[in-house]
Amino acid sequence: MATVLLVEDDHVVRGAMLRSLADRGHAVHAVGTALDALRRVASETPDLVVLDLGLPDLDGADALRMLRGITDIPIIIATARDDEQAIVRLLRAGADDYMVKPFTGAHLDARITSVLRRAGRASRTVQPAVHEVGGLKVDVGERSAHLDGVPLALTRKEFDLLAYLAARPGRVVSRRELLEEVWRQPSVGEDQTIDVHLYWLRRKLGESAAKPRYLRTVRGVGFRLVAPD
């Protein structure tokens, strides 16, 4: 199973989650502050982080950004904030998934397994390559992307999405395919996740859905990456 870093301020909740995950075979390390989480990740590199937003020393969203500055491991947000805009910001900042409290240990275990499966399979199936579409260059091995020679600052999932489309220039890719191959999540009802990442990817490419250059929407079918006209 996985080595999980649990970052939770409430000691009662932290203890319950720790016992539940340990009972399911995970090796769990639990801390109660963002500073301790950063130290742990820097020194031990767990397989996954479960990050509570209500930390005493630093807002969880800021902690997420700091963690993303030092690691690429999956991060699941555990939050009581059932707010769409907050969730969008967290996904944009680099979260791989989120869960709204309260939730069961079984639910958390299933999410952990799903996120690790997607991350692991994505890393195995993406072959080192360099894709060029117009002025866009995507180096899969280096995990870097340049537009007209200028480096693009992409989140991990934005890069995965761009790399998948760049490897299939001109081909229409459906939402279902993106969920299955990029997010490794075959379930339906996750359109918001795709739309959020496409929105920010388009902005970084200097375009919009209304005025596309590289990313084209094929209504009712999916998306394709093409060289600008």
Protein backbone atom coordinates (compact mmCIF):
# COMPACT_ATOMS: atom_id res chain seq x y z
CA MET A 1 0.00 0.00 0.00
CA ALA A 2 1.03 3.66 0.19
CA THR A 3 3.05 5.87 2.48
CA VAL A 4 0.67 8.71 3.33
CA LEU A 5 1.44 12.02 5.01
CA LEU A 6 -1.65 13.20 6.85
CA VAL A 7 -1.69 16.93 7.57
CA GLU A 8 -4.57 17.64 9.96
CA ASP A 9 -4.85 20.16 12.81
CA ASP A 10 -7.69 18.51 14.76
CA HIS A 11 -6.04 15.79 16.85
CA VAL A 12 -9.26 13.80 17.17
CA VAL A 13 -9.86 13.77 13.43
CA ARG A 14 -6.17 13.16 12.81
CA GLY A 15 -6.15 10.14 15.13
CA ALA A 16 -9.28 8.65 13.58
CA MET A 17 -7.98 9.07 10.03
CA LEU A 18 -4.59 7.68 10.96
CA ARG A 19 -6.09 4.54 12.51
CA SER A 20 -8.49 4.04 9.61
CA LEU A 21 -5.77 4.27 6.97
CA ALA A 22 -3.35 2.15 8.98
CA ASP A 23 -6.03 -0.54 9.35
CA ARG A 24 -6.27 -0.57 5.53
CA GLY A 25 -2.56 -1.24 5.17
CA HIS A 26 -1.15 2.24 4.59
CA ALA A 27 1.97 3.53 6.33
CA VAL A 28 0.76 6.82 7.78
CA HIS A 29 2.72 9.75 9.19
CA ALA A 30 0.61 12.49 10.77
CA VAL A 31 1.50 16.12 11.46
CA GLY A 32 -0.56 19.08 12.59
CA THR A 33 1.10 22.09 10.94
CA ALA A 34 2.12 23.21 7.47
CA LEU A 35 5.73 23.69 8.57
CA ASP A 36 5.97 20.10 9.79
CA ALA A 37 4.39 18.92 6.53
CA LEU A 38 7.00 20.78 4.46
CA ARG A 39 9.79 19.32 6.57
CA ARG A 40 8.42 15.80 6.21
CA VAL A 41 7.98 16.04 2.45
CA ALA A 42 11.46 17.49 2.01
CA SER A 43 13.12 14.76 4.07
CA GLU A 44 11.03 11.62 3.53
CA THR A 45 9.04 11.95 0.26
CA PRO A 46 5.77 10.11 0.96
CA ASP A 47 3.68 8.64 -1.86
CA LEU A 48 0.80 11.04 -1.23
CA VAL A 49 -0.27 13.93 1.01
CA VAL A 50 -3.74 14.43 2.52
CA LEU A 51 -3.84 18.14 3.32
CA ASP A 52 -6.35 19.82 5.63
CA LEU A 53 -6.98 23.49 4.85
CA GLY A 54 -7.60 24.62 8.44
CA LEU A 55 -4.02 24.62 9.71
CA PRO A 56 -2.91 26.77 12.67
CA ASP A 57 0.29 28.21 11.19
CA LEU A 58 -0.58 28.69 7.52
CA ASP A 59 -3.67 28.66 5.35
CA GLY A 60 -3.99 25.29 3.64
CA ALA A 61 -4.14 26.89 0.18
CA ASP A 62 -0.81 28.59 0.84
CA ALA A 63 0.58 25.32 2.18
CA LEU A 64 -0.51 23.63 -1.05
CA ARG A 65 1.38 26.16 -3.16
CA MET A 66 4.50 25.76 -1.00
CA LEU A 67 4.31 21.97 -1.24
CA ARG A 68 3.96 22.20 -5.00
CA GLY A 69 7.13 24.27 -5.02
CA ILE A 70 9.17 21.36 -3.66
CA THR A 71 7.37 18.20 -4.77
CA ASP A 72 5.30 16.67 -7.56
CA ILE A 73 3.67 13.92 -5.45
CA PRO A 74 -0.15 13.68 -5.44
CA ILE A 75 -2.01 15.88 -2.96
CA ILE A 76 -5.60 15.35 -1.85
CA ILE A 77 -7.28 18.30 -0.16
CA ALA A 78 -9.51 17.56 2.84
CA THR A 79 -11.76 20.54 3.47
CA ALA A 80 -15.00 21.61 5.07
CA ARG A 81 -15.31 24.41 2.48
CA ASP A 82 -17.93 23.24 0.02
CA ASP A 83 -17.43 26.20 -2.28
CA GLU A 84 -17.04 25.85 -6.04
CA GLN A 85 -14.72 28.82 -6.49
CA ALA A 86 -12.46 27.64 -3.66
CA ILE A 87 -12.30 24.18 -5.23
CA VAL A 88 -11.42 25.70 -8.62
CA ARG A 89 -8.57 27.68 -7.03
CA LEU A 90 -7.24 24.57 -5.30
CA LEU A 91 -7.25 22.56 -8.53
CA ARG A 92 -5.50 25.41 -10.29
CA ALA A 93 -2.90 25.58 -7.52
CA GLY A 94 -1.98 21.93 -8.05
CA ALA A 95 -4.34 19.74 -6.03
CA ASP A 96 -4.97 16.31 -7.55
CA ASP A 97 -8.29 15.74 -5.81
CA TYR A 98 -10.41 17.13 -3.00
CA MET A 99 -12.81 15.74 -0.42
CA VAL A 100 -15.41 17.69 1.52
CA LYS A 101 -15.67 16.79 5.21
CA PRO A 102 -17.11 14.74 6.77
CA PHE A 103 -16.08 11.58 4.93
CA THR A 104 -15.43 7.99 5.91
CA GLY A 105 -12.13 6.19 6.09
CA ALA A 106 -13.28 3.88 3.31
CA HIS A 107 -14.01 6.87 1.06
CA LEU A 108 -10.59 8.38 1.74
CA ASP A 109 -8.89 5.04 1.10
CA ALA A 110 -10.70 4.73 -2.25
CA ARG A 111 -9.65 8.24 -3.28
CA ILE A 112 -6.03 7.55 -2.31
CA THR A 113 -6.01 4.35 -4.35
CA SER A 114 -7.58 6.12 -7.34
CA VAL A 115 -5.19 9.09 -7.30
CA LEU A 116 -2.12 6.86 -6.97
CA ARG A 117 -3.35 4.58 -9.74
CA ARG A 118 -3.86 7.54 -12.09
CA ALA A 119 -0.48 9.04 -11.24
CA GLY A 120 1.32 5.72 -11.58
CA ARG A 121 -0.28 4.68 -14.85
CA ALA A 122 0.22 8.12 -16.37
CA SER A 123 3.94 8.00 -15.56
CA ARG A 124 4.23 4.52 -17.11
CA THR A 125 2.29 5.22 -20.31
CA VAL A 126 3.75 8.60 -21.30
CA GLN A 127 6.83 7.87 -23.40
CA PRO A 128 9.73 10.35 -23.45
CA ALA A 129 9.27 12.42 -26.59
CA VAL A 130 9.26 15.95 -27.96
CA HIS A 131 6.07 17.11 -29.68
CA GLU A 132 5.96 20.24 -31.83
CA VAL A 133 2.71 21.81 -33.02
CA GLY A 134 3.19 25.18 -34.67
CA GLY A 135 5.21 27.31 -32.27
CA LEU A 136 4.39 25.00 -29.36
CA LYS A 137 7.08 22.56 -28.19
CA VAL A 138 6.33 19.97 -25.50
CA ASP A 139 9.23 17.91 -24.12
CA VAL A 140 7.72 14.97 -22.25
CA GLY A 141 11.03 13.68 -20.90
CA GLU A 142 11.98 17.08 -19.47
CA ARG A 143 8.36 17.89 -18.56
CA SER A 144 8.74 21.32 -20.13
CA ALA A 145 6.71 23.29 -22.63
CA HIS A 146 7.63 26.35 -24.71
CA LEU A 147 5.49 28.63 -26.83
CA ASP A 148 7.46 30.50 -29.50
CA GLY A 149 10.59 29.83 -27.44
CA VAL A 150 9.11 31.15 -24.20
CA PRO A 151 8.77 28.63 -21.34
CA LEU A 152 5.24 27.99 -20.06
CA ALA A 153 4.63 27.80 -16.30
CA LEU A 154 2.25 24.82 -16.13
CA THR A 155 0.93 22.82 -13.22
CA ARG A 156 1.55 19.08 -13.30
CA LYS A 157 -1.92 18.27 -14.59
CA GLU A 158 -1.91 21.11 -17.12
CA PHE A 159 1.31 19.67 -18.54
CA ASP A 160 -0.12 16.14 -18.62
CA LEU A 161 -3.17 17.42 -20.50
CA LEU A 162 -1.12 19.44 -22.98
CA ALA A 163 1.32 16.56 -23.56
CA TYR A 164 -1.51 14.12 -24.24
CA LEU A 165 -3.10 16.42 -26.81
CA ALA A 166 0.25 17.38 -28.37
CA ALA A 167 1.02 13.70 -28.96
CA ARG A 168 -2.16 13.51 -31.06
CA PRO A 169 -2.13 16.74 -33.11
CA GLY A 170 -5.29 17.33 -35.10
CA ARG A 171 -7.13 14.37 -33.60
CA VAL A 172 -10.34 15.04 -31.67
CA VAL A 173 -10.02 13.69 -28.13
CA SER A 174 -13.23 13.12 -26.18
CA ARG A 175 -13.87 14.13 -22.58
CA ARG A 176 -14.16 10.47 -21.64
CA GLU A 177 -10.75 9.73 -23.14
CA LEU A 178 -9.19 12.61 -21.23
CA LEU A 179 -10.71 11.38 -17.98
CA GLU A 180 -9.51 7.84 -18.60
CA GLU A 181 -6.04 8.58 -19.97
CA VAL A 182 -4.98 11.84 -18.26
CA TRP A 183 -6.96 11.72 -15.01
CA ARG A 184 -7.24 7.90 -14.96
CA GLN A 185 -10.83 8.28 -13.83
CA PRO A 186 -13.37 6.48 -16.01
CA SER A 187 -16.39 7.82 -14.09
CA VAL A 188 -18.70 10.41 -15.58
CA GLY A 189 -19.66 13.75 -14.06
CA GLU A 190 -16.13 15.20 -13.89
CA ASP A 191 -16.52 17.79 -16.67
CA GLN A 192 -15.73 20.63 -14.29
CA THR A 193 -12.23 19.28 -13.68
CA ILE A 194 -11.48 19.17 -17.42
CA ASP A 195 -13.00 22.60 -18.05
CA VAL A 196 -10.99 24.22 -15.23
CA HIS A 197 -7.69 22.87 -16.54
CA LEU A 198 -8.54 23.73 -20.14
CA TYR A 199 -9.47 27.27 -19.12
CA TRP A 200 -6.11 27.91 -17.43
CA LEU A 201 -4.16 26.11 -20.14
CA ARG A 202 -5.80 28.31 -22.77
CA ARG A 203 -4.92 31.43 -20.80
CA LYS A 204 -1.28 30.36 -20.64
CA LEU A 205 -1.32 29.74 -24.38
CA GLY A 206 -2.63 33.29 -24.89
CA GLU A 207 -6.06 32.31 -26.13
CA SER A 208 -9.64 31.69 -25.02
CA ALA A 209 -12.48 29.37 -25.95
CA ALA A 210 -14.06 32.23 -27.91
CA LYS A 211 -10.81 33.02 -29.75
CA PRO A 212 -8.86 29.74 -29.93
CA ARG A 213 -5.46 29.30 -31.55
CA TYR A 214 -4.14 25.90 -30.52
CA LEU A 215 -6.90 24.35 -28.41
CA ARG A 216 -10.07 23.86 -30.44
CA THR A 217 -13.39 22.65 -29.04
CA VAL A 218 -15.44 20.31 -31.20
CA ARG A 219 -18.89 20.84 -29.76
CA GLY A 220 -20.45 17.71 -28.37
CA VAL A 221 -17.37 15.61 -29.21
CA GLY A 222 -14.22 16.84 -27.50
CA PHE A 223 -11.05 18.82 -28.10
CA ARG A 224 -8.08 18.87 -30.46
CA LEU A 225 -4.72 20.60 -30.56
CA VAL A 226 -3.76 22.15 -33.91
CA ALA A 227 -1.27 24.63 -35.28
CA PRO A 228 -2.72 28.14 -35.63
CA ASP A 229 -4.04 29.14 -39.03
